[in-house]
Amino acid sequence: MGQKQIEQMLADFQGTFEEFYDPDNHDTPEEVMNYGFYYMGCIICTGGSVKKIIDGQRRLTSLTLLIIYLNNLQKETVKDEDLLVPLDDMIYSNG
């Protein structure tokens, strides 16, 4: 994905979020999790013991890089560790 596609993806995320967001409501993170979803397309993988991604590599890579960026940004800016959103499990897995 190029810069234009990333900007469009972020604008689409924002637009979907804003459909459900009410600034006067002060939703909790649990309530935000019930907001609507944004469909990004299919990800096609092979079966068997070794799974390979056939389609969707760029979308997954772009999302992973976005989550890494947001994770680093929150670690730099959020002072209270209890307010950090746990993103590490979305970035990598040891299992």
PDB file of N, CA and C in Angstrom:
ATOM      1  N   MET A   1       0.839  -1.183   0.000  1.00  0.00           N
ATOM      2  CA  MET A   1       0.000   0.000   0.000  1.00  0.00           C
ATOM      3  C   MET A   1       0.882   1.244   0.000  1.00  0.00           C
ATOM      4  N   GLY A   2       0.488   2.197  -0.813  1.00  0.00           N
ATOM      5  CA  GLY A   2       1.203   3.457  -0.839  1.00  0.00           C
ATOM      6  C   GLY A   2       0.595   4.450   0.139  1.00  0.00           C
ATOM      7  N   GLN A   3       1.195   5.627   0.195  1.00  0.00           N
ATOM      8  CA  GLN A   3       0.725   6.659   1.127  1.00  0.00           C
ATOM      9  C   GLN A   3      -0.735   7.006   0.880  1.00  0.00           C
ATOM     10  N   LYS A   4      -1.126   7.123  -0.375  1.00  0.00           N
ATOM     11  CA  LYS A   4      -2.511   7.474  -0.705  1.00  0.00           C
ATOM     12  C   LYS A   4      -3.483   6.419  -0.169  1.00  0.00           C
ATOM     13  N   GLN A   5      -3.133   5.139  -0.336  1.00  0.00           N
ATOM     14  CA  GLN A   5      -3.992   4.059   0.132  1.00  0.00           C
ATOM     15  C   GLN A   5      -4.066   4.016   1.661  1.00  0.00           C
ATOM     16  N   ILE A   6      -2.932   4.292   2.322  1.00  0.00           N
ATOM     17  CA  ILE A   6      -2.914   4.328   3.792  1.00  0.00           C
ATOM     18  C   ILE A   6      -3.794   5.472   4.289  1.00  0.00           C
ATOM     19  N   GLU A   7      -3.662   6.636   3.678  1.00  0.00           N
ATOM     20  CA  GLU A   7      -4.487   7.784   4.071  1.00  0.00           C
ATOM     21  C   GLU A   7      -5.970   7.480   3.864  1.00  0.00           C
ATOM     22  N   GLN A   8      -6.302   6.801   2.758  1.00  0.00           N
ATOM     23  CA  GLN A   8      -7.699   6.434   2.499  1.00  0.00           C
ATOM     24  C   GLN A   8      -8.196   5.426   3.535  1.00  0.00           C
ATOM     25  N   MET A   9      -7.358   4.458   3.893  1.00  0.00           N
ATOM     26  CA  MET A   9      -7.734   3.471   4.900  1.00  0.00           C
ATOM     27  C   MET A   9      -8.001   4.151   6.239  1.00  0.00           C
ATOM     28  N   LEU A  10      -7.132   5.073   6.639  1.00  0.00           N
ATOM     29  CA  LEU A  10      -7.330   5.793   7.901  1.00  0.00           C
ATOM     30  C   LEU A  10      -8.589   6.651   7.858  1.00  0.00           C
ATOM     31  N   ALA A  11      -8.837   7.296   6.724  1.00  0.00           N
ATOM     32  CA  ALA A  11     -10.054   8.104   6.585  1.00  0.00           C
ATOM     33  C   ALA A  11     -11.298   7.216   6.674  1.00  0.00           C
ATOM     34  N   ASP A  12     -11.228   6.022   6.084  1.00  0.00           N
ATOM     35  CA  ASP A  12     -12.346   5.079   6.170  1.00  0.00           C
ATOM     36  C   ASP A  12     -12.565   4.623   7.608  1.00  0.00           C
ATOM     37  N   PHE A  13     -11.477   4.328   8.323  1.00  0.00           N
ATOM     38  CA  PHE A  13     -11.587   3.942   9.745  1.00  0.00           C
ATOM     39  C   PHE A  13     -12.257   5.060  10.535  1.00  0.00           C
ATOM     40  N   GLN A  14     -11.783   6.278  10.308  1.00  0.00           N
ATOM     41  CA  GLN A  14     -12.324   7.430  11.038  1.00  0.00           C
ATOM     42  C   GLN A  14     -13.804   7.615  10.723  1.00  0.00           C
ATOM     43  N   GLY A  15     -14.167   7.513   9.456  1.00  0.00           N
ATOM     44  CA  GLY A  15     -15.557   7.682   9.063  1.00  0.00           C
ATOM     45  C   GLY A  15     -16.465   6.646   9.710  1.00  0.00           C
ATOM     46  N   THR A  16     -16.022   5.396   9.734  1.00  0.00           N
ATOM     47  CA  THR A  16     -16.812   4.339  10.372  1.00  0.00           C
ATOM     48  C   THR A  16     -16.943   4.593  11.860  1.00  0.00           C
ATOM     49  N   PHE A  17     -15.843   4.988  12.507  1.00  0.00           N
ATOM     50  CA  PHE A  17     -15.875   5.289  13.942  1.00  0.00           C
ATOM     51  C   PHE A  17     -16.853   6.422  14.230  1.00  0.00           C
ATOM     52  N   GLU A  18     -16.790   7.482  13.431  1.00  0.00           N
ATOM     53  CA  GLU A  18     -17.623   8.656  13.671  1.00  0.00           C
ATOM     54  C   GLU A  18     -19.111   8.390  13.470  1.00  0.00           C
ATOM     55  N   GLU A  19     -19.452   7.332  12.712  1.00  0.00           N
ATOM     56  CA  GLU A  19     -20.855   6.966  12.562  1.00  0.00           C
ATOM     57  C   GLU A  19     -21.472   6.558  13.901  1.00  0.00           C
ATOM     58  N   PHE A  20     -20.665   6.029  14.789  1.00  0.00           N
ATOM     59  CA  PHE A  20     -21.155   5.505  16.059  1.00  0.00           C
ATOM     60  C   PHE A  20     -20.795   6.388  17.257  1.00  0.00           C
ATOM     61  N   TYR A  21     -19.804   7.249  17.096  1.00  0.00           N
ATOM     62  CA  TYR A  21     -19.276   8.046  18.200  1.00  0.00           C
ATOM     63  C   TYR A  21     -20.193   9.219  18.526  1.00  0.00           C
ATOM     64  N   ASP A  22     -20.456   9.399  19.802  1.00  0.00           N
ATOM     65  CA  ASP A  22     -21.214  10.545  20.299  1.00  0.00           C
ATOM     66  C   ASP A  22     -20.346  11.227  21.355  1.00  0.00           C
ATOM     67  N   PRO A  23     -19.795  12.409  21.069  1.00  0.00           N
ATOM     68  CA  PRO A  23     -18.881  13.050  22.017  1.00  0.00           C
ATOM     69  C   PRO A  23     -19.524  13.365  23.367  1.00  0.00           C
ATOM     70  N   ASP A  24     -20.839  13.422  23.417  1.00  0.00           N
ATOM     71  CA  ASP A  24     -21.526  13.703  24.678  1.00  0.00           C
ATOM     72  C   ASP A  24     -21.767  12.441  25.512  1.00  0.00           C
ATOM     73  N   ASN A  25     -21.532  11.275  24.922  1.00  0.00           N
ATOM     74  CA  ASN A  25     -21.867  10.013  25.587  1.00  0.00           C
ATOM     75  C   ASN A  25     -20.745   9.466  26.465  1.00  0.00           C
ATOM     76  N   HIS A  26     -19.476   9.770  26.173  1.00  0.00           N
ATOM     77  CA  HIS A  26     -18.324   9.291  26.945  1.00  0.00           C
ATOM     78  C   HIS A  26     -18.333   7.763  27.073  1.00  0.00           C
ATOM     79  N   ASP A  27     -18.361   7.080  25.940  1.00  0.00           N
ATOM     80  CA  ASP A  27     -18.379   5.616  25.939  1.00  0.00           C
ATOM     81  C   ASP A  27     -17.123   5.044  26.571  1.00  0.00           C
ATOM     82  N   THR A  28     -17.304   3.928  27.254  1.00  0.00           N
ATOM     83  CA  THR A  28     -16.171   3.191  27.810  1.00  0.00           C
ATOM     84  C   THR A  28     -15.525   2.388  26.682  1.00  0.00           C
ATOM     85  N   PRO A  29     -14.288   1.919  26.877  1.00  0.00           N
ATOM     86  CA  PRO A  29     -13.673   1.065  25.844  1.00  0.00           C
ATOM     87  C   PRO A  29     -14.535  -0.156  25.502  1.00  0.00           C
ATOM     88  N   GLU A  30     -15.209  -0.716  26.492  1.00  0.00           N
ATOM     89  CA  GLU A  30     -16.060  -1.873  26.233  1.00  0.00           C
ATOM     90  C   GLU A  30     -17.219  -1.500  25.310  1.00  0.00           C
ATOM     91  N   GLU A  31     -17.776  -0.311  25.500  1.00  0.00           N
ATOM     92  CA  GLU A  31     -18.868   0.144  24.639  1.00  0.00           C
ATOM     93  C   GLU A  31     -18.360   0.450  23.230  1.00  0.00           C
ATOM     94  N   VAL A  32     -17.160   0.996  23.137  1.00  0.00           N
ATOM     95  CA  VAL A  32     -16.580   1.287  21.830  1.00  0.00           C
ATOM     96  C   VAL A  32     -16.360  -0.010  21.050  1.00  0.00           C
ATOM     97  N   MET A  33     -16.049  -1.096  21.762  1.00  0.00           N
ATOM     98  CA  MET A  33     -15.856  -2.381  21.088  1.00  0.00           C
ATOM     99  C   MET A  33     -17.127  -2.851  20.384  1.00  0.00           C
ATOM    100  N   ASN A  34     -18.277  -2.323  20.772  1.00  0.00           N
ATOM    101  CA  ASN A  34     -19.544  -2.697  20.145  1.00  0.00           C
ATOM    102  C   ASN A  34     -19.929  -1.769  18.995  1.00  0.00           C
ATOM    103  N   TYR A  35     -19.064  -0.828  18.649  1.00  0.00           N
ATOM    104  CA  TYR A  35     -19.312   0.012  17.482  1.00  0.00           C
ATOM    105  C   TYR A  35     -19.296  -0.885  16.242  1.00  0.00           C
ATOM    106  N   GLY A  36     -19.746  -0.348  15.136  1.00  0.00           N
ATOM    107  CA  GLY A  36     -19.782  -1.108  13.897  1.00  0.00           C
ATOM    108  C   GLY A  36     -18.398  -1.460  13.387  1.00  0.00           C
ATOM    109  N   PHE A  37     -18.368  -2.325  12.412  1.00  0.00           N
ATOM    110  CA  PHE A  37     -17.114  -2.813  11.856  1.00  0.00           C
ATOM    111  C   PHE A  37     -16.855  -2.201  10.486  1.00  0.00           C
ATOM    112  N   TYR A  38     -15.596  -2.173  10.127  1.00  0.00           N
ATOM    113  CA  TYR A  38     -15.188  -1.722   8.800  1.00  0.00           C
ATOM    114  C   TYR A  38     -14.650  -2.941   8.053  1.00  0.00           C
ATOM    115  N   TYR A  39     -15.253  -3.268   6.930  1.00  0.00           N
ATOM    116  CA  TYR A  39     -14.844  -4.439   6.150  1.00  0.00           C
ATOM    117  C   TYR A  39     -13.681  -4.070   5.242  1.00  0.00           C
ATOM    118  N   MET A  40     -12.570  -4.783   5.402  1.00  0.00           N
ATOM    119  CA  MET A  40     -11.367  -4.496   4.614  1.00  0.00           C
ATOM    120  C   MET A  40     -11.122  -5.507   3.502  1.00  0.00           C
ATOM    121  N   GLY A  41     -11.961  -6.488   3.383  1.00  0.00           N
ATOM    122  CA  GLY A  41     -11.761  -7.499   2.360  1.00  0.00           C
ATOM    123  C   GLY A  41     -11.299  -8.808   2.976  1.00  0.00           C
ATOM    124  N   CYS A  42     -11.238  -9.810   2.138  1.00  0.00           N
ATOM    125  CA  CYS A  42     -10.877 -11.157   2.594  1.00  0.00           C
ATOM    126  C   CYS A  42      -9.368 -11.309   2.729  1.00  0.00           C
ATOM    127  N   ILE A  43      -8.994 -12.214   3.604  1.00  0.00           N
ATOM    128  CA  ILE A  43      -7.612 -12.668   3.699  1.00  0.00           C
ATOM    129  C   ILE A  43      -7.657 -14.165   3.433  1.00  0.00           C
ATOM    130  N   ILE A  44      -6.936 -14.602   2.430  1.00  0.00           N
ATOM    131  CA  ILE A  44      -6.984 -16.004   2.016  1.00  0.00           C
ATOM    132  C   ILE A  44      -5.678 -16.681   2.408  1.00  0.00           C
ATOM    133  N   CYS A  45      -5.813 -17.797   3.134  1.00  0.00           N
ATOM    134  CA  CYS A  45      -4.662 -18.562   3.611  1.00  0.00           C
ATOM    135  C   CYS A  45      -4.754 -19.993   3.101  1.00  0.00           C
ATOM    136  N   THR A  46      -3.606 -20.655   3.039  1.00  0.00           N
ATOM    137  CA  THR A  46      -3.587 -22.071   2.702  1.00  0.00           C
ATOM    138  C   THR A  46      -3.910 -22.879   3.948  1.00  0.00           C
ATOM    139  N   GLY A  47      -4.300 -24.103   3.758  1.00  0.00           N
ATOM    140  CA  GLY A  47      -4.544 -25.009   4.874  1.00  0.00           C
ATOM    141  C   GLY A  47      -3.277 -25.803   5.175  1.00  0.00           C
ATOM    142  N   GLY A  48      -3.419 -26.843   5.951  1.00  0.00           N
ATOM    143  CA  GLY A  48      -2.283 -27.698   6.262  1.00  0.00           C
ATOM    144  C   GLY A  48      -1.509 -27.222   7.464  1.00  0.00           C
ATOM    145  N   SER A  49      -0.392 -27.891   7.709  1.00  0.00           N
ATOM    146  CA  SER A  49       0.396 -27.592   8.913  1.00  0.00           C
ATOM    147  C   SER A  49       1.161 -26.273   8.799  1.00  0.00           C
ATOM    148  N   VAL A  50       1.550 -25.889   7.584  1.00  0.00           N
ATOM    149  CA  VAL A  50       2.242 -24.615   7.368  1.00  0.00           C
ATOM    150  C   VAL A  50       1.280 -23.698   6.629  1.00  0.00           C
ATOM    151  N   LYS A  51       0.809 -22.677   7.324  1.00  0.00           N
ATOM    152  CA  LYS A  51      -0.163 -21.751   6.734  1.00  0.00           C
ATOM    153  C   LYS A  51       0.575 -20.627   6.015  1.00  0.00           C
ATOM    154  N   LYS A  52       0.108 -20.302   4.835  1.00  0.00           N
ATOM    155  CA  LYS A  52       0.672 -19.200   4.059  1.00  0.00           C
ATOM    156  C   LYS A  52      -0.459 -18.286   3.640  1.00  0.00           C
ATOM    157  N   ILE A  53      -0.166 -16.991   3.630  1.00  0.00           N
ATOM    158  CA  ILE A  53      -1.158 -16.010   3.204  1.00  0.00           C
ATOM    159  C   ILE A  53      -1.086 -15.897   1.686  1.00  0.00           C
ATOM    160  N   ILE A  54      -2.208 -16.164   1.035  1.00  0.00           N
ATOM    161  CA  ILE A  54      -2.281 -16.103  -0.423  1.00  0.00           C
ATOM    162  C   ILE A  54      -2.703 -14.709  -0.880  1.00  0.00           C
ATOM    163  N   ASP A  55      -3.662 -14.115  -0.171  1.00  0.00           N
ATOM    164  CA  ASP A  55      -4.153 -12.783  -0.525  1.00  0.00           C
ATOM    165  C   ASP A  55      -4.393 -11.992   0.754  1.00  0.00           C
ATOM    166  N   GLY A  56      -3.956 -10.732   0.774  1.00  0.00           N
ATOM    167  CA  GLY A  56      -4.173  -9.864   1.914  1.00  0.00           C
ATOM    168  C   GLY A  56      -2.893  -9.481   2.640  1.00  0.00           C
ATOM    169  N   GLN A  57      -1.728  -9.846   2.062  1.00  0.00           N
ATOM    170  CA  GLN A  57      -0.462  -9.550   2.731  1.00  0.00           C
ATOM    171  C   GLN A  57      -0.259  -8.062   2.975  1.00  0.00           C
ATOM    172  N   ARG A  58      -0.553  -7.236   1.976  1.00  0.00           N
ATOM    173  CA  ARG A  58      -0.325  -5.787   2.139  1.00  0.00           C
ATOM    174  C   ARG A  58      -1.243  -5.184   3.188  1.00  0.00           C
ATOM    175  N   ARG A  59      -2.496  -5.635   3.219  1.00  0.00           N
ATOM    176  CA  ARG A  59      -3.423  -5.126   4.235  1.00  0.00           C
ATOM    177  C   ARG A  59      -2.962  -5.517   5.627  1.00  0.00           C
ATOM    178  N   LEU A  60      -2.547  -6.761   5.796  1.00  0.00           N
ATOM    179  CA  LEU A  60      -2.064  -7.207   7.105  1.00  0.00           C
ATOM    180  C   LEU A  60      -0.801  -6.456   7.513  1.00  0.00           C
ATOM    181  N   THR A  61       0.104  -6.256   6.573  1.00  0.00           N
ATOM    182  CA  THR A  61       1.339  -5.536   6.865  1.00  0.00           C
ATOM    183  C   THR A  61       1.026  -4.085   7.248  1.00  0.00           C
ATOM    184  N   SER A  62       0.142  -3.443   6.498  1.00  0.00           N
ATOM    185  CA  SER A  62      -0.227  -2.057   6.795  1.00  0.00           C
ATOM    186  C   SER A  62      -0.877  -1.941   8.167  1.00  0.00           C
ATOM    187  N   LEU A  63      -1.779  -2.855   8.483  1.00  0.00           N
ATOM    188  CA  LEU A  63      -2.425  -2.835   9.793  1.00  0.00           C
ATOM    189  C   LEU A  63      -1.420  -3.082  10.912  1.00  0.00           C
ATOM    190  N   THR A  64      -0.507  -4.008  10.698  1.00  0.00           N
ATOM    191  CA  THR A  64       0.510  -4.294  11.715  1.00  0.00           C
ATOM    192  C   THR A  64       1.385  -3.072  11.955  1.00  0.00           C
ATOM    193  N   LEU A  65       1.806  -2.415  10.882  1.00  0.00           N
ATOM    194  CA  LEU A  65       2.630  -1.208  11.035  1.00  0.00           C
ATOM    195  C   LEU A  65       1.860  -0.092  11.738  1.00  0.00           C
ATOM    196  N   LEU A  66       0.568   0.033  11.443  1.00  0.00           N
ATOM    197  CA  LEU A  66      -0.262   1.028  12.119  1.00  0.00           C
ATOM    198  C   LEU A  66      -0.367   0.730  13.607  1.00  0.00           C
ATOM    199  N   ILE A  67      -0.570  -0.521  13.961  1.00  0.00           N
ATOM    200  CA  ILE A  67      -0.681  -0.898  15.373  1.00  0.00           C
ATOM    201  C   ILE A  67       0.649  -0.682  16.091  1.00  0.00           C
ATOM    202  N   ILE A  68       1.762  -0.997  15.439  1.00  0.00           N
ATOM    203  CA  ILE A  68       3.080  -0.738  16.033  1.00  0.00           C
ATOM    204  C   ILE A  68       3.252   0.756  16.292  1.00  0.00           C
ATOM    205  N   TYR A  69       2.884   1.579  15.305  1.00  0.00           N
ATOM    206  CA  TYR A  69       2.988   3.033  15.461  1.00  0.00           C
ATOM    207  C   TYR A  69       2.133   3.516  16.629  1.00  0.00           C
ATOM    208  N   LEU A  70       0.874   3.075  16.686  1.00  0.00           N
ATOM    209  CA  LEU A  70      -0.021   3.506  17.761  1.00  0.00           C
ATOM    210  C   LEU A  70       0.468   3.023  19.120  1.00  0.00           C
ATOM    211  N   ASN A  71       1.008   1.824  19.167  1.00  0.00           N
ATOM    212  CA  ASN A  71       1.547   1.280  20.421  1.00  0.00           C
ATOM    213  C   ASN A  71       2.723   2.128  20.911  1.00  0.00           C
ATOM    214  N   ASN A  72       3.631   2.456  20.012  1.00  0.00           N
ATOM    215  CA  ASN A  72       4.776   3.297  20.385  1.00  0.00           C
ATOM    216  C   ASN A  72       4.320   4.696  20.795  1.00  0.00           C
ATOM    217  N   LEU A  73       3.357   5.249  20.078  1.00  0.00           N
ATOM    218  CA  LEU A  73       2.852   6.581  20.382  1.00  0.00           C
ATOM    219  C   LEU A  73       2.213   6.626  21.764  1.00  0.00           C
ATOM    220  N   GLN A  74       1.397   5.624  22.091  1.00  0.00           N
ATOM    221  CA  GLN A  74       0.758   5.648  23.410  1.00  0.00           C
ATOM    222  C   GLN A  74       1.781   5.459  24.525  1.00  0.00           C
ATOM    223  N   LYS A  75       2.812   4.660  24.291  1.00  0.00           N
ATOM    224  CA  LYS A  75       3.843   4.466  25.320  1.00  0.00           C
ATOM    225  C   LYS A  75       4.620   5.754  25.576  1.00  0.00           C
ATOM    226  N   GLU A  76       4.738   6.596  24.543  1.00  0.00           N
ATOM    227  CA  GLU A  76       5.439   7.871  24.691  1.00  0.00           C
ATOM    228  C   GLU A  76       4.563   8.947  25.341  1.00  0.00           C
ATOM    229  N   THR A  77       3.249   8.860  25.163  1.00  0.00           N
ATOM    230  CA  THR A  77       2.390   9.966  25.564  1.00  0.00           C
ATOM    231  C   THR A  77       1.503   9.695  26.773  1.00  0.00           C
ATOM    232  N   VAL A  78       1.159   8.435  27.039  1.00  0.00           N
ATOM    233  CA  VAL A  78       0.256   8.122  28.152  1.00  0.00           C
ATOM    234  C   VAL A  78       1.081   7.980  29.423  1.00  0.00           C
ATOM    235  N   LYS A  79       0.760   8.794  30.405  1.00  0.00           N
ATOM    236  CA  LYS A  79       1.532   8.795  31.657  1.00  0.00           C
ATOM    237  C   LYS A  79       1.097   7.691  32.616  1.00  0.00           C
ATOM    238  N   ASP A  80      -0.191   7.386  32.657  1.00  0.00           N
ATOM    239  CA  ASP A  80      -0.733   6.381  33.570  1.00  0.00           C
ATOM    240  C   ASP A  80      -0.765   5.025  32.855  1.00  0.00           C
ATOM    241  N   GLU A  81       0.072   4.087  33.287  1.00  0.00           N
ATOM    242  CA  GLU A  81       0.163   2.785  32.621  1.00  0.00           C
ATOM    243  C   GLU A  81      -1.157   2.020  32.628  1.00  0.00           C
ATOM    244  N   ASP A  82      -2.035   2.306  33.587  1.00  0.00           N
ATOM    245  CA  ASP A  82      -3.338   1.643  33.634  1.00  0.00           C
ATOM    246  C   ASP A  82      -4.228   2.050  32.460  1.00  0.00           C
ATOM    247  N   LEU A  83      -3.884   3.146  31.792  1.00  0.00           N
ATOM    248  CA  LEU A  83      -4.678   3.618  30.660  1.00  0.00           C
ATOM    249  C   LEU A  83      -4.172   3.104  29.318  1.00  0.00           C
ATOM    250  N   LEU A  84      -3.038   2.396  29.325  1.00  0.00           N
ATOM    251  CA  LEU A  84      -2.496   1.858  28.075  1.00  0.00           C
ATOM    252  C   LEU A  84      -3.405   0.764  27.527  1.00  0.00           C
ATOM    253  N   VAL A  85      -3.637   0.810  26.230  1.00  0.00           N
ATOM    254  CA  VAL A  85      -4.401  -0.237  25.557  1.00  0.00           C
ATOM    255  C   VAL A  85      -3.423  -1.355  25.217  1.00  0.00           C
ATOM    256  N   PRO A  86      -3.707  -2.604  25.630  1.00  0.00           N
ATOM    257  CA  PRO A  86      -2.758  -3.696  25.370  1.00  0.00           C
ATOM    258  C   PRO A  86      -2.743  -4.089  23.888  1.00  0.00           C
ATOM    259  N   LEU A  87      -1.743  -3.626  23.175  1.00  0.00           N
ATOM    260  CA  LEU A  87      -1.642  -3.883  21.736  1.00  0.00           C
ATOM    261  C   LEU A  87      -0.581  -4.911  21.377  1.00  0.00           C
ATOM    262  N   ASP A  88       0.295  -5.250  22.319  1.00  0.00           N
ATOM    263  CA  ASP A  88       1.399  -6.152  22.005  1.00  0.00           C
ATOM    264  C   ASP A  88       0.927  -7.471  21.401  1.00  0.00           C
ATOM    265  N   ASP A  89      -0.167  -8.036  21.908  1.00  0.00           N
ATOM    266  CA  ASP A  89      -0.663  -9.316  21.387  1.00  0.00           C
ATOM    267  C   ASP A  89      -1.197  -9.199  19.964  1.00  0.00           C
ATOM    268  N   MET A  90      -1.504  -7.979  19.519  1.00  0.00           N
ATOM    269  CA  MET A  90      -1.947  -7.783  18.142  1.00  0.00           C
ATOM    270  C   MET A  90      -0.761  -7.667  17.197  1.00  0.00           C
ATOM    271  N   ILE A  91       0.418  -7.429  17.748  1.00  0.00           N
ATOM    272  CA  ILE A  91       1.605  -7.214  16.932  1.00  0.00           C
ATOM    273  C   ILE A  91       2.383  -8.500  16.740  1.00  0.00           C
ATOM    274  N   TYR A  92       2.513  -9.282  17.796  1.00  0.00           N
ATOM    275  CA  TYR A  92       3.296 -10.523  17.698  1.00  0.00           C
ATOM    276  C   TYR A  92       2.758 -11.549  18.692  1.00  0.00           C
ATOM    277  N   SER A  93       3.156 -12.784  18.436  1.00  0.00           N
ATOM    278  CA  SER A  93       2.748 -13.888  19.299  1.00  0.00           C
ATOM    279  C   SER A  93       3.937 -14.812  19.498  1.00  0.00           C
ATOM    280  N   ASN A  94       4.061 -15.326  20.698  1.00  0.00           N
ATOM    281  CA  ASN A  94       5.138 -16.276  20.982  1.00  0.00           C
ATOM    282  C   ASN A  94       4.696 -17.722  20.753  1.00  0.00           C
ATOM    283  N   GLY A  95       3.467 -17.920  20.358  1.00  0.00           N
ATOM    284  CA  GLY A  95       2.956 -19.280  20.245  1.00  0.00           C
ATOM    285  C   GLY A  95       2.524 -19.696  18.927  1.00  0.00           C
TER     286      GLY A  95
END
